[in-house]
C-alpha atoms as a PDB file:
ATOM      1  CA  MET A   1      -3.314 -21.503 -40.415  1.00  0.00           C
ATOM      2  CA  GLU A   2      -2.245 -18.894 -37.851  1.00  0.00           C
ATOM      3  CA  ASN A   3      -1.498 -19.807 -34.260  1.00  0.00           C
ATOM      4  CA  PRO A   4      -3.565 -17.864 -31.761  1.00  0.00           C
ATOM      5  CA  THR A   5      -1.255 -15.746 -29.646  1.00  0.00           C
ATOM      6  CA  GLN A   6      -1.937 -15.518 -25.964  1.00  0.00           C
ATOM      7  CA  LYS A   7      -1.393 -12.097 -24.453  1.00  0.00           C
ATOM      8  CA  LYS A   8       1.286 -11.918 -21.797  1.00  0.00           C
ATOM      9  CA  GLY A   9      -0.284 -11.840 -18.370  1.00  0.00           C
ATOM     10  CA  SER A  10      -3.693 -13.118 -19.388  1.00  0.00           C
ATOM     11  CA  LEU A  11      -3.251 -16.387 -17.471  1.00  0.00           C
ATOM     12  CA  PRO A  12      -2.747 -14.622 -14.115  1.00  0.00           C
ATOM     13  CA  LYS A  13      -5.717 -12.381 -14.893  1.00  0.00           C
ATOM     14  CA  LEU A  14      -7.799 -15.458 -15.683  1.00  0.00           C
ATOM     15  CA  TYR A  15      -6.688 -17.028 -12.402  1.00  0.00           C
ATOM     16  CA  CYS A  16      -7.731 -13.892 -10.495  1.00  0.00           C
ATOM     17  CA  ASN A  17     -11.064 -13.754 -12.337  1.00  0.00           C
ATOM     18  CA  ILE A  18     -11.822 -17.329 -11.287  1.00  0.00           C
ATOM     19  CA  PHE A  19     -10.333 -17.560  -7.798  1.00  0.00           C
ATOM     20  CA  GLY A  20     -10.021 -13.912  -6.800  1.00  0.00           C
ATOM     21  CA  HIS A  21      -6.978 -11.800  -6.092  1.00  0.00           C
ATOM     22  CA  SER A  22      -4.340 -12.793  -3.578  1.00  0.00           C
ATOM     23  CA  TYR A  23      -3.137  -9.491  -2.135  1.00  0.00           C
ATOM     24  CA  GLU A  24      -0.106  -9.065   0.054  1.00  0.00           C
ATOM     25  CA  VAL A  25       1.043  -5.896   1.793  1.00  0.00           C
ATOM     26  CA  THR A  26       3.920  -4.317  -0.114  1.00  0.00           C
ATOM     27  CA  LYS A  27       4.285  -1.119   1.904  1.00  0.00           C
ATOM     28  CA  GLN A  28       3.024   0.017   5.295  1.00  0.00           C
ATOM     29  CA  VAL A  29       2.525   3.765   4.836  1.00  0.00           C
ATOM     30  CA  THR A  30       1.083   4.405   8.324  1.00  0.00           C
ATOM     31  CA  HIS A  31      -0.602   2.200  10.906  1.00  0.00           C
ATOM     32  CA  HIS A  32      -3.867   2.399   8.942  1.00  0.00           C
ATOM     33  CA  VAL A  33      -2.748   2.983   5.350  1.00  0.00           C
ATOM     34  CA  LYS A  34      -1.088   0.193   3.385  1.00  0.00           C
ATOM     35  CA  GLU A  35      -0.271  -0.613  -0.220  1.00  0.00           C
ATOM     36  CA  TYR A  36      -1.167  -4.041  -1.598  1.00  0.00           C
ATOM     37  CA  LYS A  37      -0.174  -6.034  -4.673  1.00  0.00           C
ATOM     38  CA  CYS A  38      -1.774  -9.174  -6.104  1.00  0.00           C
ATOM     39  CA  LYS A  39       0.708 -12.057  -6.254  1.00  0.00           C
ATOM     40  CA  HIS A  40      -0.720 -13.268  -9.557  1.00  0.00           C
ATOM     41  CA  CYS A  41      -1.698 -10.307 -11.745  1.00  0.00           C
ATOM     42  CA  ASN A  42       0.369  -7.541 -10.037  1.00  0.00           C
ATOM     43  CA  ARG A  43      -2.691  -5.315  -9.521  1.00  0.00           C
ATOM     44  CA  GLU A  44      -1.871  -2.628  -6.946  1.00  0.00           C
ATOM     45  CA  LEU A  45      -4.279  -1.152  -4.406  1.00  0.00           C
ATOM     46  CA  THR A  46      -4.080   1.185  -1.454  1.00  0.00           C
ATOM     47  CA  THR A  47      -6.280   2.067   1.482  1.00  0.00           C
ATOM     48  CA  TYR A  48      -8.522   5.079   0.891  1.00  0.00           C
ATOM     49  CA  SER A  49      -9.523   7.576   3.602  1.00  0.00           C
ATOM     50  CA  ASN A  50     -12.777   5.690   4.254  1.00  0.00           C
ATOM     51  CA  GLY A  51     -10.910   2.387   4.730  1.00  0.00           C
ATOM     52  CA  ASN A  52     -11.856   0.871   1.373  1.00  0.00           C
ATOM     53  CA  LEU A  53      -9.311  -0.308  -1.169  1.00  0.00           C
ATOM     54  CA  VAL A  54      -8.799   1.720  -4.348  1.00  0.00           C
ATOM     55  CA  GLU A  55      -6.544   1.359  -7.395  1.00  0.00           C
ATOM     56  CA  LEU A  56      -3.032   2.657  -6.710  1.00  0.00           C
ATOM     57  CA  THR A  57      -2.701   5.476  -9.225  1.00  0.00           C
ATOM     58  CA  PRO A  58       0.339   7.782  -9.544  1.00  0.00           C
ATOM     59  CA  LYS A  59      -1.581  10.402  -7.556  1.00  0.00           C
ATOM     60  CA  PHE A  60      -2.194   7.958  -4.683  1.00  0.00           C
ATOM     61  CA  LYS A  61       1.473   6.861  -4.825  1.00  0.00           C
ATOM     62  CA  GLU A  62       2.517  10.485  -4.377  1.00  0.00           C
ATOM     63  CA  ILE A  63       0.014  10.990  -1.541  1.00  0.00           C
ATOM     64  CA  ASN A  64       1.245   7.826   0.191  1.00  0.00           C
ATOM     65  CA  THR A  65       4.884   8.912  -0.157  1.00  0.00           C
ATOM     66  CA  ILE A  66       4.149  12.268   1.470  1.00  0.00           C
ATOM     67  CA  LEU A  67       1.977  10.654   4.137  1.00  0.00           C
ATOM     68  CA  ASN A  68       4.750   8.166   4.909  1.00  0.00           C
ATOM     69  CA  ARG A  69       7.306  10.959   5.227  1.00  0.00           C
ATOM     70  CA  ILE A  70       5.049  12.904   7.624  1.00  0.00           C
ATOM     71  CA  HIS A  71       4.263   9.785   9.648  1.00  0.00           C
ATOM     72  CA  SER A  72       7.921   8.764   9.883  1.00  0.00           C
ATOM     73  CA  SER A  73       9.054  12.199  11.021  1.00  0.00           C
ATOM     74  CA  LYS A  74       6.285  12.307  13.627  1.00  0.00           C
ATOM     75  CA  GLN A  75       7.266   8.857  14.928  1.00  0.00           C
ATOM     76  CA  ALA A  76      10.914   9.934  15.115  1.00  0.00           C
ATOM     77  CA  ARG A  77       9.952  13.114  16.981  1.00  0.00           C
ATOM     78  CA  LEU A  78       7.879  11.138  19.478  1.00  0.00           C
ATOM     79  CA  LYS A  79      10.676   8.608  19.960  1.00  0.00           C
ATOM     80  CA  ASN A  80      13.271  11.318  20.612  1.00  0.00           C
ATOM     81  CA  ARG A  81      10.996  13.296  22.886  1.00  0.00           C
ATOM     82  CA  THR A  82      12.237  13.383  26.447  1.00  0.00           C
ATOM     83  CA  TYR A  83       9.876  13.909  29.278  1.00  0.00           C
ATOM     84  CA  SER A  84      11.329  15.916  32.086  1.00  0.00           C
ATOM     85  CA  GLU A  85      10.119  15.212  35.561  1.00  0.00           C
ATOM     86  CA  PRO A  86       8.307  18.148  37.097  1.00  0.00           C
ATOM     87  CA  SER A  87      10.419  19.716  39.784  1.00  0.00           C
ATOM     88  CA  PHE A  88       8.688  20.569  43.036  1.00  0.00           C
ATOM     89  CA  HIS A  89      10.583  23.178  45.042  1.00  0.00           C
END
């Protein structure tokens, strides 16, 4: 008689199916866009433009990387920006 083999990772998926996912933020792309990962089944999501969560596909990973680079450079520019006092002669 053969032993039934349990697929690797099916227990965490079962847990998530019963109790729901337990997402934690893995990357803060911008102030509004984040990447999430389930602690149990390792499902990855990201914030979409309308604020909803969507599956983190390779295309969204690339978009988030570019968005993070733009956001970081903008933050650095704003931090280094010096405001000169207007001179009244």
